[in-house]
Amino acid sequence: MSESTEIVVIAKIPCQPGKRDEAAAGLQQILDHVESEEGTLRYVLLKDTTDADLLWMYEVYRDQAAFDAHAGSEAMKAVGHALGGVLAGRPELNFTSPLGGKGL
């Protein structure tokens, strides 16, 4: 099994009570932006099915440089400001790397 250079981030995004839809709407600008990021391979916003105040983001980057470019982008800074009043805390980022499986 060869090791991948892809970076996979699973972000847990806690929202203020009753503000999940507002947070999802605020994240739309970054969903639109990543369409033009060549190194961002997947960027999927998910709603939790058991917690009405929780979102998840599944992100796959070609490599560390692609993640760094995304994280440092002006669009990322702007979305952080847009979510200021609707999040219940900082997103929790879990960094992983694929080992194997369907779709790799």
PDB file of N, CA and C in Angstrom:
ATOM      1  N   MET A   1       0.849  -1.168   0.000  1.00  0.00           N
ATOM      2  CA  MET A   1       0.000   0.000   0.000  1.00  0.00           C
ATOM      3  C   MET A   1       0.901   1.239   0.000  1.00  0.00           C
ATOM      4  N   SER A   2       0.736   2.103  -0.996  1.00  0.00           N
ATOM      5  CA  SER A   2       1.555   3.320  -1.041  1.00  0.00           C
ATOM      6  C   SER A   2       0.877   4.438  -0.260  1.00  0.00           C
ATOM      7  N   GLU A   3       1.697   5.290   0.314  1.00  0.00           N
ATOM      8  CA  GLU A   3       1.172   6.383   1.133  1.00  0.00           C
ATOM      9  C   GLU A   3       0.767   7.558   0.248  1.00  0.00           C
ATOM     10  N   SER A   4      -0.387   8.126   0.527  1.00  0.00           N
ATOM     11  CA  SER A   4      -0.925   9.249  -0.227  1.00  0.00           C
ATOM     12  C   SER A   4      -0.368  10.561   0.306  1.00  0.00           C
ATOM     13  N   THR A   5      -0.233  11.542  -0.581  1.00  0.00           N
ATOM     14  CA  THR A   5       0.145  12.889  -0.142  1.00  0.00           C
ATOM     15  C   THR A   5      -1.090  13.746   0.126  1.00  0.00           C
ATOM     16  N   GLU A   6      -2.270  13.181  -0.158  1.00  0.00           N
ATOM     17  CA  GLU A   6      -3.494  13.937   0.078  1.00  0.00           C
ATOM     18  C   GLU A   6      -3.682  14.231   1.561  1.00  0.00           C
ATOM     19  N   ILE A   7      -4.235  15.400   1.820  1.00  0.00           N
ATOM     20  CA  ILE A   7      -4.595  15.810   3.173  1.00  0.00           C
ATOM     21  C   ILE A   7      -6.120  15.776   3.252  1.00  0.00           C
ATOM     22  N   VAL A   8      -6.643  15.061   4.226  1.00  0.00           N
ATOM     23  CA  VAL A   8      -8.085  15.007   4.430  1.00  0.00           C
ATOM     24  C   VAL A   8      -8.392  15.658   5.778  1.00  0.00           C
ATOM     25  N   VAL A   9      -9.282  16.630   5.747  1.00  0.00           N
ATOM     26  CA  VAL A   9      -9.685  17.320   6.962  1.00  0.00           C
ATOM     27  C   VAL A   9     -11.165  17.035   7.196  1.00  0.00           C
ATOM     28  N   ILE A  10     -11.471  16.627   8.408  1.00  0.00           N
ATOM     29  CA  ILE A  10     -12.861  16.467   8.825  1.00  0.00           C
ATOM     30  C   ILE A  10     -13.073  17.519   9.914  1.00  0.00           C
ATOM     31  N   ALA A  11     -13.869  18.524   9.586  1.00  0.00           N
ATOM     32  CA  ALA A  11     -14.071  19.650  10.495  1.00  0.00           C
ATOM     33  C   ALA A  11     -15.429  19.548  11.165  1.00  0.00           C
ATOM     34  N   LYS A  12     -15.427  19.613  12.476  1.00  0.00           N
ATOM     35  CA  LYS A  12     -16.653  19.632  13.283  1.00  0.00           C
ATOM     36  C   LYS A  12     -16.963  21.097  13.577  1.00  0.00           C
ATOM     37  N   ILE A  13     -18.135  21.559  13.160  1.00  0.00           N
ATOM     38  CA  ILE A  13     -18.487  22.971  13.250  1.00  0.00           C
ATOM     39  C   ILE A  13     -19.708  23.139  14.162  1.00  0.00           C
ATOM     40  N   PRO A  14     -19.477  23.510  15.426  1.00  0.00           N
ATOM     41  CA  PRO A  14     -20.603  23.687  16.357  1.00  0.00           C
ATOM     42  C   PRO A  14     -21.292  25.029  16.137  1.00  0.00           C
ATOM     43  N   CYS A  15     -22.616  24.992  16.093  1.00  0.00           N
ATOM     44  CA  CYS A  15     -23.400  26.207  15.849  1.00  0.00           C
ATOM     45  C   CYS A  15     -24.179  26.602  17.104  1.00  0.00           C
ATOM     46  N   GLN A  16     -24.451  27.893  17.222  1.00  0.00           N
ATOM     47  CA  GLN A  16     -25.318  28.371  18.298  1.00  0.00           C
ATOM     48  C   GLN A  16     -26.676  27.677  18.163  1.00  0.00           C
ATOM     49  N   PRO A  17     -27.375  27.443  19.259  1.00  0.00           N
ATOM     50  CA  PRO A  17     -28.685  26.802  19.180  1.00  0.00           C
ATOM     51  C   PRO A  17     -29.601  27.490  18.163  1.00  0.00           C
ATOM     52  N   GLY A  18     -30.131  26.697  17.248  1.00  0.00           N
ATOM     53  CA  GLY A  18     -31.050  27.204  16.240  1.00  0.00           C
ATOM     54  C   GLY A  18     -30.410  27.965  15.098  1.00  0.00           C
ATOM     55  N   LYS A  19     -29.065  28.009  15.034  1.00  0.00           N
ATOM     56  CA  LYS A  19     -28.375  28.816  14.016  1.00  0.00           C
ATOM     57  C   LYS A  19     -27.702  27.973  12.923  1.00  0.00           C
ATOM     58  N   ARG A  20     -27.969  26.659  12.892  1.00  0.00           N
ATOM     59  CA  ARG A  20     -27.280  25.814  11.910  1.00  0.00           C
ATOM     60  C   ARG A  20     -27.562  26.241  10.473  1.00  0.00           C
ATOM     61  N   ASP A  21     -28.815  26.527  10.137  1.00  0.00           N
ATOM     62  CA  ASP A  21     -29.129  26.928   8.768  1.00  0.00           C
ATOM     63  C   ASP A  21     -28.440  28.242   8.401  1.00  0.00           C
ATOM     64  N   GLU A  22     -28.360  29.152   9.358  1.00  0.00           N
ATOM     65  CA  GLU A  22     -27.681  30.426   9.127  1.00  0.00           C
ATOM     66  C   GLU A  22     -26.183  30.199   8.909  1.00  0.00           C
ATOM     67  N   ALA A  23     -25.603  29.296   9.677  1.00  0.00           N
ATOM     68  CA  ALA A  23     -24.179  28.967   9.505  1.00  0.00           C
ATOM     69  C   ALA A  23     -23.947  28.334   8.140  1.00  0.00           C
ATOM     70  N   ALA A  24     -24.825  27.424   7.748  1.00  0.00           N
ATOM     71  CA  ALA A  24     -24.694  26.778   6.434  1.00  0.00           C
ATOM     72  C   ALA A  24     -24.768  27.815   5.315  1.00  0.00           C
ATOM     73  N   ALA A  25     -25.674  28.768   5.454  1.00  0.00           N
ATOM     74  CA  ALA A  25     -25.775  29.832   4.453  1.00  0.00           C
ATOM     75  C   ALA A  25     -24.499  30.668   4.423  1.00  0.00           C
ATOM     76  N   GLY A  26     -23.921  30.940   5.586  1.00  0.00           N
ATOM     77  CA  GLY A  26     -22.672  31.693   5.656  1.00  0.00           C
ATOM     78  C   GLY A  26     -21.505  30.956   5.037  1.00  0.00           C
ATOM     79  N   LEU A  27     -21.557  29.632   5.043  1.00  0.00           N
ATOM     80  CA  LEU A  27     -20.492  28.828   4.451  1.00  0.00           C
ATOM     81  C   LEU A  27     -20.617  28.709   2.932  1.00  0.00           C
ATOM     82  N   GLN A  28     -21.736  29.135   2.380  1.00  0.00           N
ATOM     83  CA  GLN A  28     -21.929  29.025   0.938  1.00  0.00           C
ATOM     84  C   GLN A  28     -20.849  29.776   0.153  1.00  0.00           C
ATOM     85  N   GLN A  29     -20.406  30.919   0.668  1.00  0.00           N
ATOM     86  CA  GLN A  29     -19.381  31.686  -0.055  1.00  0.00           C
ATOM     87  C   GLN A  29     -18.080  30.900  -0.189  1.00  0.00           C
ATOM     88  N   ILE A  30     -17.707  30.117   0.827  1.00  0.00           N
ATOM     89  CA  ILE A  30     -16.474  29.335   0.713  1.00  0.00           C
ATOM     90  C   ILE A  30     -16.704  28.111  -0.174  1.00  0.00           C
ATOM     91  N   LEU A  31     -17.924  27.555  -0.157  1.00  0.00           N
ATOM     92  CA  LEU A  31     -18.235  26.457  -1.074  1.00  0.00           C
ATOM     93  C   LEU A  31     -18.106  26.924  -2.520  1.00  0.00           C
ATOM     94  N   ASP A  32     -18.559  28.133  -2.787  1.00  0.00           N
ATOM     95  CA  ASP A  32     -18.422  28.691  -4.134  1.00  0.00           C
ATOM     96  C   ASP A  32     -16.957  28.935  -4.470  1.00  0.00           C
ATOM     97  N   HIS A  33     -16.211  29.463  -3.516  1.00  0.00           N
ATOM     98  CA  HIS A  33     -14.813  29.815  -3.758  1.00  0.00           C
ATOM     99  C   HIS A  33     -13.959  28.592  -4.095  1.00  0.00           C
ATOM    100  N   VAL A  34     -14.156  27.489  -3.387  1.00  0.00           N
ATOM    101  CA  VAL A  34     -13.278  26.330  -3.601  1.00  0.00           C
ATOM    102  C   VAL A  34     -13.417  25.724  -5.000  1.00  0.00           C
ATOM    103  N   GLU A  35     -14.481  26.069  -5.706  1.00  0.00           N
ATOM    104  CA  GLU A  35     -14.626  25.596  -7.082  1.00  0.00           C
ATOM    105  C   GLU A  35     -13.436  26.025  -7.941  1.00  0.00           C
ATOM    106  N   SER A  36     -12.796  27.135  -7.587  1.00  0.00           N
ATOM    107  CA  SER A  36     -11.662  27.632  -8.369  1.00  0.00           C
ATOM    108  C   SER A  36     -10.303  27.273  -7.752  1.00  0.00           C
ATOM    109  N   GLU A  37     -10.302  26.536  -6.649  1.00  0.00           N
ATOM    110  CA  GLU A  37      -9.044  26.105  -6.027  1.00  0.00           C
ATOM    111  C   GLU A  37      -8.617  24.771  -6.628  1.00  0.00           C
ATOM    112  N   GLU A  38      -7.593  24.810  -7.432  1.00  0.00           N
ATOM    113  CA  GLU A  38      -7.152  23.619  -8.152  1.00  0.00           C
ATOM    114  C   GLU A  38      -6.756  22.472  -7.216  1.00  0.00           C
ATOM    115  N   GLY A  39      -6.135  22.795  -6.095  1.00  0.00           N
ATOM    116  CA  GLY A  39      -5.659  21.761  -5.186  1.00  0.00           C
ATOM    117  C   GLY A  39      -6.697  21.238  -4.210  1.00  0.00           C
ATOM    118  N   THR A  40      -7.880  21.859  -4.205  1.00  0.00           N
ATOM    119  CA  THR A  40      -8.965  21.373  -3.356  1.00  0.00           C
ATOM    120  C   THR A  40      -9.761  20.362  -4.168  1.00  0.00           C
ATOM    121  N   LEU A  41      -9.640  19.089  -3.794  1.00  0.00           N
ATOM    122  CA  LEU A  41     -10.253  18.013  -4.571  1.00  0.00           C
ATOM    123  C   LEU A  41     -11.706  17.749  -4.185  1.00  0.00           C
ATOM    124  N   ARG A  42     -12.020  17.868  -2.899  1.00  0.00           N
ATOM    125  CA  ARG A  42     -13.384  17.702  -2.402  1.00  0.00           C
ATOM    126  C   ARG A  42     -13.598  18.675  -1.253  1.00  0.00           C
ATOM    127  N   TYR A  43     -14.807  19.202  -1.191  1.00  0.00           N
ATOM    128  CA  TYR A  43     -15.138  20.159  -0.129  1.00  0.00           C
ATOM    129  C   TYR A  43     -16.640  20.051   0.065  1.00  0.00           C
ATOM    130  N   VAL A  44     -17.048  19.273   1.040  1.00  0.00           N
ATOM    131  CA  VAL A  44     -18.451  18.909   1.188  1.00  0.00           C
ATOM    132  C   VAL A  44     -18.960  19.332   2.557  1.00  0.00           C
ATOM    133  N   LEU A  45     -20.029  20.122   2.580  1.00  0.00           N
ATOM    134  CA  LEU A  45     -20.676  20.531   3.816  1.00  0.00           C
ATOM    135  C   LEU A  45     -21.754  19.515   4.152  1.00  0.00           C
ATOM    136  N   LEU A  46     -21.751  19.056   5.414  1.00  0.00           N
ATOM    137  CA  LEU A  46     -22.694  18.034   5.869  1.00  0.00           C
ATOM    138  C   LEU A  46     -23.431  18.524   7.103  1.00  0.00           C
ATOM    139  N   LYS A  47     -24.700  18.160   7.227  1.00  0.00           N
ATOM    140  CA  LYS A  47     -25.417  18.449   8.467  1.00  0.00           C
ATOM    141  C   LYS A  47     -25.476  17.165   9.281  1.00  0.00           C
ATOM    142  N   ASP A  48     -25.304  17.298  10.567  1.00  0.00           N
ATOM    143  CA  ASP A  48     -25.373  16.157  11.468  1.00  0.00           C
ATOM    144  C   ASP A  48     -26.820  15.681  11.537  1.00  0.00           C
ATOM    145  N   THR A  49     -27.018  14.369  11.533  1.00  0.00           N
ATOM    146  CA  THR A  49     -28.387  13.843  11.557  1.00  0.00           C
ATOM    147  C   THR A  49     -28.938  13.643  12.966  1.00  0.00           C
ATOM    148  N   THR A  50     -28.082  13.808  13.983  1.00  0.00           N
ATOM    149  CA  THR A  50     -28.551  13.626  15.356  1.00  0.00           C
ATOM    150  C   THR A  50     -28.438  14.891  16.206  1.00  0.00           C
ATOM    151  N   ASP A  51     -27.693  15.873  15.742  1.00  0.00           N
ATOM    152  CA  ASP A  51     -27.497  17.115  16.492  1.00  0.00           C
ATOM    153  C   ASP A  51     -27.879  18.288  15.591  1.00  0.00           C
ATOM    154  N   ALA A  52     -28.971  18.943  15.902  1.00  0.00           N
ATOM    155  CA  ALA A  52     -29.493  20.030  15.064  1.00  0.00           C
ATOM    156  C   ALA A  52     -28.623  21.280  15.083  1.00  0.00           C
ATOM    157  N   ASP A  53     -27.594  21.308  15.908  1.00  0.00           N
ATOM    158  CA  ASP A  53     -26.715  22.471  16.002  1.00  0.00           C
ATOM    159  C   ASP A  53     -25.291  22.150  15.580  1.00  0.00           C
ATOM    160  N   LEU A  54     -25.139  21.174  14.692  1.00  0.00           N
ATOM    161  CA  LEU A  54     -23.803  20.737  14.303  1.00  0.00           C
ATOM    162  C   LEU A  54     -23.700  20.538  12.796  1.00  0.00           C
ATOM    163  N   LEU A  55     -22.627  21.099  12.226  1.00  0.00           N
ATOM    164  CA  LEU A  55     -22.266  20.884  10.827  1.00  0.00           C
ATOM    165  C   LEU A  55     -20.921  20.178  10.788  1.00  0.00           C
ATOM    166  N   TRP A  56     -20.647  19.539   9.684  1.00  0.00           N
ATOM    167  CA  TRP A  56     -19.364  18.899   9.417  1.00  0.00           C
ATOM    168  C   TRP A  56     -18.895  19.342   8.039  1.00  0.00           C
ATOM    169  N   MET A  57     -17.592  19.430   7.848  1.00  0.00           N
ATOM    170  CA  MET A  57     -17.032  19.695   6.530  1.00  0.00           C
ATOM    171  C   MET A  57     -16.032  18.587   6.238  1.00  0.00           C
ATOM    172  N   TYR A  58     -16.171  17.991   5.069  1.00  0.00           N
ATOM    173  CA  TYR A  58     -15.251  16.958   4.604  1.00  0.00           C
ATOM    174  C   TYR A  58     -14.429  17.582   3.487  1.00  0.00           C
ATOM    175  N   GLU A  59     -13.118  17.671   3.696  1.00  0.00           N
ATOM    176  CA  GLU A  59     -12.242  18.386   2.772  1.00  0.00           C
ATOM    177  C   GLU A  59     -11.089  17.478   2.350  1.00  0.00           C
ATOM    178  N   VAL A  60     -10.791  17.455   1.065  1.00  0.00           N
ATOM    179  CA  VAL A  60      -9.654  16.690   0.562  1.00  0.00           C
ATOM    180  C   VAL A  60      -8.798  17.628  -0.289  1.00  0.00           C
ATOM    181  N   TYR A  61      -7.528  17.693   0.065  1.00  0.00           N
ATOM    182  CA  TYR A  61      -6.565  18.539  -0.644  1.00  0.00           C
ATOM    183  C   TYR A  61      -5.503  17.672  -1.290  1.00  0.00           C
ATOM    184  N   ARG A  62      -5.017  18.096  -2.433  1.00  0.00           N
ATOM    185  CA  ARG A  62      -3.999  17.357  -3.170  1.00  0.00           C
ATOM    186  C   ARG A  62      -2.766  17.096  -2.315  1.00  0.00           C
ATOM    187  N   ASP A  63      -2.375  18.110  -1.526  1.00  0.00           N
ATOM    188  CA  ASP A  63      -1.179  17.991  -0.699  1.00  0.00           C
ATOM    189  C   ASP A  63      -1.171  19.121   0.334  1.00  0.00           C
ATOM    190  N   GLN A  64      -0.143  19.180   1.126  1.00  0.00           N
ATOM    191  CA  GLN A  64      -0.046  20.193   2.183  1.00  0.00           C
ATOM    192  C   GLN A  64      -0.058  21.609   1.613  1.00  0.00           C
ATOM    193  N   ALA A  65       0.597  21.802   0.485  1.00  0.00           N
ATOM    194  CA  ALA A  65       0.637  23.137  -0.128  1.00  0.00           C
ATOM    195  C   ALA A  65      -0.768  23.601  -0.530  1.00  0.00           C
ATOM    196  N   ALA A  66      -1.577  22.681  -1.022  1.00  0.00           N
ATOM    197  CA  ALA A  66      -2.952  23.035  -1.406  1.00  0.00           C
ATOM    198  C   ALA A  66      -3.774  23.404  -0.170  1.00  0.00           C
ATOM    199  N   PHE A  67      -3.601  22.652   0.919  1.00  0.00           N
ATOM    200  CA  PHE A  67      -4.306  23.003   2.154  1.00  0.00           C
ATOM    201  C   PHE A  67      -3.864  24.377   2.646  1.00  0.00           C
ATOM    202  N   ASP A  68      -2.552  24.620   2.645  1.00  0.00           N
ATOM    203  CA  ASP A  68      -2.030  25.901   3.118  1.00  0.00           C
ATOM    204  C   ASP A  68      -2.582  27.065   2.293  1.00  0.00           C
ATOM    205  N   ALA A  69      -2.669  26.870   0.971  1.00  0.00           N
ATOM    206  CA  ALA A  69      -3.210  27.927   0.104  1.00  0.00           C
ATOM    207  C   ALA A  69      -4.674  28.198   0.449  1.00  0.00           C
ATOM    208  N   HIS A  70      -5.435  27.143   0.680  1.00  0.00           N
ATOM    209  CA  HIS A  70      -6.846  27.307   1.044  1.00  0.00           C
ATOM    210  C   HIS A  70      -6.977  28.010   2.388  1.00  0.00           C
ATOM    211  N   ALA A  71      -6.253  27.523   3.373  1.00  0.00           N
ATOM    212  CA  ALA A  71      -6.361  28.060   4.737  1.00  0.00           C
ATOM    213  C   ALA A  71      -5.961  29.527   4.805  1.00  0.00           C
ATOM    214  N   GLY A  72      -5.023  29.944   3.972  1.00  0.00           N
ATOM    215  CA  GLY A  72      -4.555  31.323   3.986  1.00  0.00           C
ATOM    216  C   GLY A  72      -5.260  32.248   3.022  1.00  0.00           C
ATOM    217  N   SER A  73      -6.279  31.747   2.336  1.00  0.00           N
ATOM    218  CA  SER A  73      -6.950  32.551   1.315  1.00  0.00           C
ATOM    219  C   SER A  73      -7.797  33.663   1.933  1.00  0.00           C
ATOM    220  N   GLU A  74      -7.993  34.702   1.165  1.00  0.00           N
ATOM    221  CA  GLU A  74      -8.854  35.807   1.597  1.00  0.00           C
ATOM    222  C   GLU A  74     -10.282  35.318   1.802  1.00  0.00           C
ATOM    223  N   ALA A  75     -10.714  34.353   1.003  1.00  0.00           N
ATOM    224  CA  ALA A  75     -12.067  33.810   1.137  1.00  0.00           C
ATOM    225  C   ALA A  75     -12.248  33.129   2.486  1.00  0.00           C
ATOM    226  N   MET A  76     -11.226  32.440   2.969  1.00  0.00           N
ATOM    227  CA  MET A  76     -11.317  31.789   4.279  1.00  0.00           C
ATOM    228  C   MET A  76     -11.407  32.830   5.381  1.00  0.00           C
ATOM    229  N   LYS A  77     -10.646  33.888   5.252  1.00  0.00           N
ATOM    230  CA  LYS A  77     -10.714  34.964   6.244  1.00  0.00           C
ATOM    231  C   LYS A  77     -12.105  35.588   6.266  1.00  0.00           C
ATOM    232  N   ALA A  78     -12.673  35.799   5.100  1.00  0.00           N
ATOM    233  CA  ALA A  78     -13.994  36.424   4.992  1.00  0.00           C
ATOM    234  C   ALA A  78     -15.075  35.540   5.602  1.00  0.00           C
ATOM    235  N   VAL A  79     -14.992  34.233   5.379  1.00  0.00           N
ATOM    236  CA  VAL A  79     -16.018  33.339   5.927  1.00  0.00           C
ATOM    237  C   VAL A  79     -15.924  33.295   7.448  1.00  0.00           C
ATOM    238  N   GLY A  80     -14.728  33.412   7.975  1.00  0.00           N
ATOM    239  CA  GLY A  80     -14.568  33.451   9.423  1.00  0.00           C
ATOM    240  C   GLY A  80     -15.298  34.626  10.035  1.00  0.00           C
ATOM    241  N   HIS A  81     -15.230  35.772   9.379  1.00  0.00           N
ATOM    242  CA  HIS A  81     -15.939  36.959   9.866  1.00  0.00           C
ATOM    243  C   HIS A  81     -17.452  36.786   9.726  1.00  0.00           C
ATOM    244  N   ALA A  82     -17.880  36.159   8.641  1.00  0.00           N
ATOM    245  CA  ALA A  82     -19.312  35.986   8.386  1.00  0.00           C
ATOM    246  C   ALA A  82     -19.968  35.062   9.414  1.00  0.00           C
ATOM    247  N   LEU A  83     -19.194  34.157   9.999  1.00  0.00           N
ATOM    248  CA  LEU A  83     -19.755  33.176  10.932  1.00  0.00           C
ATOM    249  C   LEU A  83     -19.635  33.598  12.395  1.00  0.00           C
ATOM    250  N   GLY A  84     -19.078  34.767  12.635  1.00  0.00           N
ATOM    251  CA  GLY A  84     -18.809  35.210  13.993  1.00  0.00           C
ATOM    252  C   GLY A  84     -19.956  35.082  14.973  1.00  0.00           C
ATOM    253  N   GLY A  85     -21.166  35.390  14.600  1.00  0.00           N
ATOM    254  CA  GLY A  85     -22.281  35.367  15.533  1.00  0.00           C
ATOM    255  C   GLY A  85     -23.094  34.093  15.550  1.00  0.00           C
ATOM    256  N   VAL A  86     -22.722  33.099  14.720  1.00  0.00           N
ATOM    257  CA  VAL A  86     -23.564  31.901  14.637  1.00  0.00           C
ATOM    258  C   VAL A  86     -22.872  30.629  15.122  1.00  0.00           C
ATOM    259  N   LEU A  87     -21.580  30.688  15.333  1.00  0.00           N
ATOM    260  CA  LEU A  87     -20.882  29.494  15.816  1.00  0.00           C
ATOM    261  C   LEU A  87     -20.860  29.453  17.335  1.00  0.00           C
ATOM    262  N   ALA A  88     -20.842  28.239  17.872  1.00  0.00           N
ATOM    263  CA  ALA A  88     -20.809  28.041  19.325  1.00  0.00           C
ATOM    264  C   ALA A  88     -19.389  27.794  19.811  1.00  0.00           C
ATOM    265  N   GLY A  89     -18.429  27.971  18.947  1.00  0.00           N
ATOM    266  CA  GLY A  89     -17.026  27.756  19.275  1.00  0.00           C
ATOM    267  C   GLY A  89     -16.238  27.588  17.998  1.00  0.00           C
ATOM    268  N   ARG A  90     -14.945  27.438  18.167  1.00  0.00           N
ATOM    269  CA  ARG A  90     -14.080  27.257  17.001  1.00  0.00           C
ATOM    270  C   ARG A  90     -14.308  25.879  16.385  1.00  0.00           C
ATOM    271  N   PRO A  91     -14.275  25.791  15.052  1.00  0.00           N
ATOM    272  CA  PRO A  91     -14.352  24.470  14.437  1.00  0.00           C
ATOM    273  C   PRO A  91     -13.186  23.590  14.907  1.00  0.00           C
ATOM    274  N   GLU A  92     -13.468  22.322  15.076  1.00  0.00           N
ATOM    275  CA  GLU A  92     -12.447  21.346  15.460  1.00  0.00           C
ATOM    276  C   GLU A  92     -11.977  20.649  14.190  1.00  0.00           C
ATOM    277  N   LEU A  93     -10.709  20.842  13.846  1.00  0.00           N
ATOM    278  CA  LEU A  93     -10.152  20.258  12.626  1.00  0.00           C
ATOM    279  C   LEU A  93      -9.425  18.963  12.952  1.00  0.00           C
ATOM    280  N   ASN A  94      -9.790  17.893  12.261  1.00  0.00           N
ATOM    281  CA  ASN A  94      -9.146  16.601  12.399  1.00  0.00           C
ATOM    282  C   ASN A  94      -8.418  16.297  11.098  1.00  0.00           C
ATOM    283  N   PHE A  95      -7.093  16.219  11.146  1.00  0.00           N
ATOM    284  CA  PHE A  95      -6.282  15.985   9.967  1.00  0.00           C
ATOM    285  C   PHE A  95      -5.995  14.500   9.819  1.00  0.00           C
ATOM    286  N   THR A  96      -6.252  13.993   8.615  1.00  0.00           N
ATOM    287  CA  THR A  96      -6.043  12.582   8.345  1.00  0.00           C
ATOM    288  C   THR A  96      -5.387  12.432   6.969  1.00  0.00           C
ATOM    289  N   SER A  97      -4.993  11.210   6.663  1.00  0.00           N
ATOM    290  CA  SER A  97      -4.423  10.901   5.358  1.00  0.00           C
ATOM    291  C   SER A  97      -4.907   9.518   4.947  1.00  0.00           C
ATOM    292  N   PRO A  98      -5.358   9.360   3.705  1.00  0.00           N
ATOM    293  CA  PRO A  98      -5.920   8.080   3.273  1.00  0.00           C
ATOM    294  C   PRO A  98      -4.884   6.944   3.294  1.00  0.00           C
ATOM    295  N   LEU A  99      -5.336   5.783   3.716  1.00  0.00           N
ATOM    296  CA  LEU A  99      -4.514   4.573   3.670  1.00  0.00           C
ATOM    297  C   LEU A  99      -4.981   3.617   2.576  1.00  0.00           C
ATOM    298  N   GLY A 100      -6.255   3.620   2.287  1.00  0.00           N
ATOM    299  CA  GLY A 100      -6.791   2.724   1.261  1.00  0.00           C
ATOM    300  C   GLY A 100      -8.296   2.756   1.302  1.00  0.00           C
ATOM    301  N   GLY A 101      -8.908   2.155   0.301  1.00  0.00           N
ATOM    302  CA  GLY A 101     -10.365   2.063   0.254  1.00  0.00           C
ATOM    303  C   GLY A 101     -10.929   2.407  -1.106  1.00  0.00           C
ATOM    304  N   LYS A 102     -12.202   2.221  -1.245  1.00  0.00           N
ATOM    305  CA  LYS A 102     -12.899   2.489  -2.501  1.00  0.00           C
ATOM    306  C   LYS A 102     -12.835   3.977  -2.843  1.00  0.00           C
ATOM    307  N   GLY A 103     -12.564   4.278  -4.084  1.00  0.00           N
ATOM    308  CA  GLY A 103     -12.561   5.663  -4.542  1.00  0.00           C
ATOM    309  C   GLY A 103     -11.212   6.358  -4.502  1.00  0.00           C
ATOM    310  N   LEU A 104     -10.170   5.653  -4.047  1.00  0.00           N
ATOM    311  CA  LEU A 104      -8.850   6.305  -3.999  1.00  0.00           C
ATOM    312  C   LEU A 104      -8.131   6.169  -5.310  1.00  0.00           C
TER     313      LEU A 104
END
